[in-house]
Amino acid sequence: MGRLLILATDGSRTERMREVVSLDEVAHAAVEDLPPAQAQRVSVSSTDDLLTVNGDFQLLKTLTANALDNALKFSGEKPVKLSIRDDAAHVYLRIEDEGVGIPESDRARVFDAFYRSASARASNVAGYGLGLTLIAHVAGTHGGTARFLPARQGCTLEIALPKNVRSRN
């Protein structure tokens, strides 16, 4: 139900609640909320713990938690990597797993509400096709994007968010 409520917002909440948010803190908070067995499978790395964006901490944590949940569900017992890096204009959250992957032809559609790729349906992993929709929605309300990058194995989800001007270059 919480996912549907987030998707139903038009982004005005985040416009009113812009705060400087450390993505390193968001990532660690999302991992801390995982069950211990899942948290042990996630490694977090950052090029700088002062990489910040303007946004809503809770929504960004929800975005990160959904990305980790998907990666953990579809990678069996294999590890998941969450990395944070930046360039001159953006901070990037990248979640990498070694799971079944998403065919290139489905990479854009998986962000559509209720869409599940054939490989997701065949995997017997429960889901409704809302997690990636939520990720794209929250990224968009923060002026960012979500996309899957080509990966040799599994998936690499990259979320790009506009960098706070106070982040170090």
C-alpha atoms as a PDB file:
ATOM      1  CA  MET A   1       0.000   0.000   0.000  1.00  0.00           C
ATOM      2  CA  GLY A   2       2.857   2.393   0.804  1.00  0.00           C
ATOM      3  CA  ARG A   3       4.250   2.004  -2.705  1.00  0.00           C
ATOM      4  CA  LEU A   4       0.944   2.981  -4.258  1.00  0.00           C
ATOM      5  CA  LEU A   5       0.725   6.072  -2.073  1.00  0.00           C
ATOM      6  CA  ILE A   6       4.197   7.180  -3.133  1.00  0.00           C
ATOM      7  CA  LEU A   7       3.310   6.608  -6.779  1.00  0.00           C
ATOM      8  CA  ALA A   8       0.114   8.617  -6.341  1.00  0.00           C
ATOM      9  CA  THR A   9       2.011  11.747  -5.291  1.00  0.00           C
ATOM     10  CA  ASP A  10       2.832  14.338  -7.885  1.00  0.00           C
ATOM     11  CA  GLY A  11       6.160  15.265  -6.340  1.00  0.00           C
ATOM     12  CA  SER A  12       4.913  18.388  -4.550  1.00  0.00           C
ATOM     13  CA  ARG A  13       5.870  16.864  -1.186  1.00  0.00           C
ATOM     14  CA  THR A  14       9.507  16.669  -2.192  1.00  0.00           C
ATOM     15  CA  GLU A  15       9.385  20.202  -3.570  1.00  0.00           C
ATOM     16  CA  ARG A  16       8.365  21.422  -0.119  1.00  0.00           C
ATOM     17  CA  MET A  17      10.751  19.171   1.791  1.00  0.00           C
ATOM     18  CA  ARG A  18      14.071  19.695   0.054  1.00  0.00           C
ATOM     19  CA  GLU A  19      16.917  19.046   2.426  1.00  0.00           C
ATOM     20  CA  VAL A  20      20.575  18.288   1.891  1.00  0.00           C
ATOM     21  CA  VAL A  21      20.795  14.494   1.954  1.00  0.00           C
ATOM     22  CA  SER A  22      23.947  12.371   2.066  1.00  0.00           C
ATOM     23  CA  LEU A  23      23.496   9.377  -0.233  1.00  0.00           C
ATOM     24  CA  ASP A  24      26.045   7.505   1.856  1.00  0.00           C
ATOM     25  CA  GLU A  25      23.738   7.909   4.873  1.00  0.00           C
ATOM     26  CA  VAL A  26      20.732   6.867   2.751  1.00  0.00           C
ATOM     27  CA  ALA A  27      22.532   3.736   1.561  1.00  0.00           C
ATOM     28  CA  HIS A  28      23.643   2.680   5.031  1.00  0.00           C
ATOM     29  CA  ALA A  29      20.176   3.333   6.499  1.00  0.00           C
ATOM     30  CA  ALA A  30      18.564   1.178   3.791  1.00  0.00           C
ATOM     31  CA  VAL A  31      21.028  -1.667   4.446  1.00  0.00           C
ATOM     32  CA  GLU A  32      20.513  -1.407   8.232  1.00  0.00           C
ATOM     33  CA  ASP A  33      16.775  -1.955   7.721  1.00  0.00           C
ATOM     34  CA  LEU A  34      17.348  -5.257   5.910  1.00  0.00           C
ATOM     35  CA  PRO A  35      17.108  -8.579   7.730  1.00  0.00           C
ATOM     36  CA  PRO A  36      20.627  -9.508   8.944  1.00  0.00           C
ATOM     37  CA  ALA A  37      21.097 -12.372   6.452  1.00  0.00           C
ATOM     38  CA  GLN A  38      20.303 -10.039   3.536  1.00  0.00           C
ATOM     39  CA  ALA A  39      22.331  -7.128   4.925  1.00  0.00           C
ATOM     40  CA  GLN A  40      25.414  -9.387   5.040  1.00  0.00           C
ATOM     41  CA  ARG A  41      25.116  -9.914   1.278  1.00  0.00           C
ATOM     42  CA  VAL A  42      25.275  -6.170   0.509  1.00  0.00           C
ATOM     43  CA  SER A  43      28.531  -4.260   0.220  1.00  0.00           C
ATOM     44  CA  VAL A  44      28.431  -0.456   0.157  1.00  0.00           C
ATOM     45  CA  SER A  45      31.200   1.678  -1.276  1.00  0.00           C
ATOM     46  CA  SER A  46      31.435   5.388  -1.893  1.00  0.00           C
ATOM     47  CA  THR A  47      34.040   7.618  -3.472  1.00  0.00           C
ATOM     48  CA  ASP A  48      33.204  10.272  -0.862  1.00  0.00           C
ATOM     49  CA  ASP A  49      30.874  10.256   2.141  1.00  0.00           C
ATOM     50  CA  LEU A  50      29.958  13.889   1.429  1.00  0.00           C
ATOM     51  CA  LEU A  51      28.132  13.242  -1.832  1.00  0.00           C
ATOM     52  CA  THR A  52      24.830  15.015  -1.308  1.00  0.00           C
ATOM     53  CA  VAL A  53      21.645  15.776  -3.184  1.00  0.00           C
ATOM     54  CA  ASN A  54      18.662  17.996  -2.449  1.00  0.00           C
ATOM     55  CA  GLY A  55      15.716  15.828  -1.564  1.00  0.00           C
ATOM     56  CA  ASP A  56      13.671  13.876   0.885  1.00  0.00           C
ATOM     57  CA  PHE A  57      15.682  11.403   2.981  1.00  0.00           C
ATOM     58  CA  GLN A  58      12.783   8.960   3.492  1.00  0.00           C
ATOM     59  CA  LEU A  59      11.833   8.840  -0.190  1.00  0.00           C
ATOM     60  CA  LEU A  60      15.460   8.308  -1.217  1.00  0.00           C
ATOM     61  CA  LYS A  61      15.774   5.574   1.404  1.00  0.00           C
ATOM     62  CA  THR A  62      12.624   3.934  -0.006  1.00  0.00           C
ATOM     63  CA  LEU A  63      14.108   4.150  -3.518  1.00  0.00           C
ATOM     64  CA  THR A  64      17.338   2.524  -2.300  1.00  0.00           C
ATOM     65  CA  ALA A  65      15.520  -0.139  -0.278  1.00  0.00           C
ATOM     66  CA  ASN A  66      13.432  -1.107  -3.320  1.00  0.00           C
ATOM     67  CA  ALA A  67      16.532  -1.319  -5.517  1.00  0.00           C
ATOM     68  CA  LEU A  68      18.280  -3.520  -2.958  1.00  0.00           C
ATOM     69  CA  ASP A  69      15.165  -5.665  -2.483  1.00  0.00           C
ATOM     70  CA  ASN A  70      14.975  -6.363  -6.221  1.00  0.00           C
ATOM     71  CA  ALA A  71      18.672  -7.143  -6.487  1.00  0.00           C
ATOM     72  CA  LEU A  72      18.575  -9.460  -3.478  1.00  0.00           C
ATOM     73  CA  LYS A  73      15.423 -11.271  -4.676  1.00  0.00           C
ATOM     74  CA  PHE A  74      16.725 -11.947  -8.167  1.00  0.00           C
ATOM     75  CA  SER A  75      20.321 -12.865  -7.305  1.00  0.00           C
ATOM     76  CA  GLY A  76      19.662 -15.953  -5.196  1.00  0.00           C
ATOM     77  CA  GLU A  77      22.289 -16.033  -2.486  1.00  0.00           C
ATOM     78  CA  LYS A  78      24.908 -14.092  -4.449  1.00  0.00           C
ATOM     79  CA  PRO A  79      26.307 -10.765  -3.206  1.00  0.00           C
ATOM     80  CA  VAL A  80      24.912  -7.353  -4.169  1.00  0.00           C
ATOM     81  CA  LYS A  81      27.052  -4.231  -4.559  1.00  0.00           C
ATOM     82  CA  LEU A  82      25.809  -0.724  -3.888  1.00  0.00           C
ATOM     83  CA  SER A  83      28.216   1.999  -4.937  1.00  0.00           C
ATOM     84  CA  ILE A  84      27.985   5.775  -4.851  1.00  0.00           C
ATOM     85  CA  ARG A  85      30.035   8.001  -7.115  1.00  0.00           C
ATOM     86  CA  ASP A  86      29.751  11.386  -8.772  1.00  0.00           C
ATOM     87  CA  ASP A  87      30.712  13.554 -11.671  1.00  0.00           C
ATOM     88  CA  ALA A  88      30.479  17.327 -12.054  1.00  0.00           C
ATOM     89  CA  ALA A  89      26.667  17.417 -12.117  1.00  0.00           C
ATOM     90  CA  HIS A  90      25.283  14.162 -10.656  1.00  0.00           C
ATOM     91  CA  VAL A  91      25.580  11.659  -7.854  1.00  0.00           C
ATOM     92  CA  TYR A  92      25.037   8.057  -8.960  1.00  0.00           C
ATOM     93  CA  LEU A  93      23.685   5.159  -6.934  1.00  0.00           C
ATOM     94  CA  ARG A  94      24.612   1.936  -8.671  1.00  0.00           C
ATOM     95  CA  ILE A  95      23.216  -1.418  -7.568  1.00  0.00           C
ATOM     96  CA  GLU A  96      24.847  -4.477  -9.129  1.00  0.00           C
ATOM     97  CA  ASP A  97      23.770  -8.080  -8.764  1.00  0.00           C
ATOM     98  CA  GLU A  98      24.681 -11.415 -10.321  1.00  0.00           C
ATOM     99  CA  GLY A  99      21.128 -12.639 -10.817  1.00  0.00           C
ATOM    100  CA  VAL A 100      19.121 -13.622 -13.863  1.00  0.00           C
ATOM    101  CA  GLY A 101      19.391 -10.214 -15.518  1.00  0.00           C
ATOM    102  CA  ILE A 102      16.933  -8.287 -17.666  1.00  0.00           C
ATOM    103  CA  PRO A 103      16.953  -8.686 -21.442  1.00  0.00           C
ATOM    104  CA  GLU A 104      17.887  -5.458 -23.226  1.00  0.00           C
ATOM    105  CA  SER A 105      14.461  -5.395 -24.880  1.00  0.00           C
ATOM    106  CA  ASP A 106      12.799  -5.166 -21.431  1.00  0.00           C
ATOM    107  CA  ARG A 107      15.111  -2.639 -19.751  1.00  0.00           C
ATOM    108  CA  ALA A 108      12.898   0.398 -20.420  1.00  0.00           C
ATOM    109  CA  ARG A 109       9.564  -1.362 -19.892  1.00  0.00           C
ATOM    110  CA  VAL A 110      10.391  -2.703 -16.429  1.00  0.00           C
ATOM    111  CA  PHE A 111       9.854   0.827 -15.094  1.00  0.00           C
ATOM    112  CA  ASP A 112       6.194   0.717 -16.259  1.00  0.00           C
ATOM    113  CA  ALA A 113       3.674   0.045 -13.504  1.00  0.00           C
ATOM    114  CA  PHE A 114       2.732  -3.635 -13.128  1.00  0.00           C
ATOM    115  CA  TYR A 115       5.083  -4.784 -15.909  1.00  0.00           C
ATOM    116  CA  ARG A 116       7.131  -7.888 -15.164  1.00  0.00           C
ATOM    117  CA  SER A 117       9.535  -9.282 -17.721  1.00  0.00           C
ATOM    118  CA  ALA A 118       9.226 -12.889 -18.867  1.00  0.00           C
ATOM    119  CA  SER A 119      12.374 -13.770 -16.903  1.00  0.00           C
ATOM    120  CA  ALA A 120      10.895 -12.214 -13.732  1.00  0.00           C
ATOM    121  CA  ARG A 121       7.649 -14.121 -14.170  1.00  0.00           C
ATOM    122  CA  ALA A 122       9.528 -17.357 -14.838  1.00  0.00           C
ATOM    123  CA  SER A 123      11.724 -16.907 -11.764  1.00  0.00           C
ATOM    124  CA  ASN A 124       8.871 -17.632  -9.339  1.00  0.00           C
ATOM    125  CA  VAL A 125       9.924 -14.546  -7.360  1.00  0.00           C
ATOM    126  CA  ALA A 126       6.839 -12.816  -5.978  1.00  0.00           C
ATOM    127  CA  GLY A 127       6.146  -9.271  -7.103  1.00  0.00           C
ATOM    128  CA  TYR A 128       3.632  -6.930  -8.651  1.00  0.00           C
ATOM    129  CA  GLY A 129       5.813  -4.837 -10.932  1.00  0.00           C
ATOM    130  CA  LEU A 130       5.773  -1.733  -8.738  1.00  0.00           C
ATOM    131  CA  GLY A 131       9.278  -1.608  -7.225  1.00  0.00           C
ATOM    132  CA  LEU A 132      11.049  -0.284 -10.315  1.00  0.00           C
ATOM    133  CA  THR A 133       8.128   2.034 -11.058  1.00  0.00           C
ATOM    134  CA  LEU A 134       8.549   3.531  -7.600  1.00  0.00           C
ATOM    135  CA  ILE A 135      12.309   3.887  -8.137  1.00  0.00           C
ATOM    136  CA  ALA A 136      11.808   5.763 -11.410  1.00  0.00           C
ATOM    137  CA  HIS A 137       9.087   7.942  -9.866  1.00  0.00           C
ATOM    138  CA  VAL A 138      11.143   8.948  -6.824  1.00  0.00           C
ATOM    139  CA  ALA A 139      14.226   9.569  -8.978  1.00  0.00           C
ATOM    140  CA  GLY A 140      12.106  11.720 -11.303  1.00  0.00           C
ATOM    141  CA  THR A 141      10.621  13.784  -8.474  1.00  0.00           C
ATOM    142  CA  HIS A 142      14.206  14.520  -7.429  1.00  0.00           C
ATOM    143  CA  GLY A 143      15.140  15.606 -10.969  1.00  0.00           C
ATOM    144  CA  GLY A 144      16.942  12.340 -11.681  1.00  0.00           C
ATOM    145  CA  THR A 145      16.675   9.189 -13.744  1.00  0.00           C
ATOM    146  CA  ALA A 146      16.859   5.433 -13.336  1.00  0.00           C
ATOM    147  CA  ARG A 147      18.149   3.031 -15.979  1.00  0.00           C
ATOM    148  CA  PHE A 148      19.708  -0.368 -16.402  1.00  0.00           C
ATOM    149  CA  LEU A 149      23.221  -0.470 -17.777  1.00  0.00           C
ATOM    150  CA  PRO A 150      24.580  -3.337 -19.836  1.00  0.00           C
ATOM    151  CA  ALA A 151      26.009  -6.014 -17.545  1.00  0.00           C
ATOM    152  CA  ARG A 152      28.034  -9.141 -18.262  1.00  0.00           C
ATOM    153  CA  GLN A 153      25.951 -11.003 -15.710  1.00  0.00           C
ATOM    154  CA  GLY A 154      22.926  -9.994 -13.679  1.00  0.00           C
ATOM    155  CA  CYS A 155      21.774  -6.375 -13.535  1.00  0.00           C
ATOM    156  CA  THR A 156      23.300  -2.986 -12.981  1.00  0.00           C
ATOM    157  CA  LEU A 157      20.737  -0.371 -11.990  1.00  0.00           C
ATOM    158  CA  GLU A 158      21.976   3.210 -12.056  1.00  0.00           C
ATOM    159  CA  ILE A 159      20.107   6.081 -10.452  1.00  0.00           C
ATOM    160  CA  ALA A 160      21.413   9.528 -11.355  1.00  0.00           C
ATOM    161  CA  LEU A 161      20.433  12.461  -9.143  1.00  0.00           C
ATOM    162  CA  PRO A 162      21.442  16.111  -9.489  1.00  0.00           C
ATOM    163  CA  LYS A 163      24.340  16.867  -7.175  1.00  0.00           C
ATOM    164  CA  ASN A 164      23.918  19.345  -4.348  1.00  0.00           C
ATOM    165  CA  VAL A 165      26.163  22.319  -5.016  1.00  0.00           C
ATOM    166  CA  ARG A 166      27.837  21.738  -1.659  1.00  0.00           C
ATOM    167  CA  SER A 167      29.071  18.269  -2.632  1.00  0.00           C
ATOM    168  CA  ARG A 168      32.788  18.093  -3.118  1.00  0.00           C
ATOM    169  CA  ASN A 169      34.041  17.776  -6.695  1.00  0.00           C
END
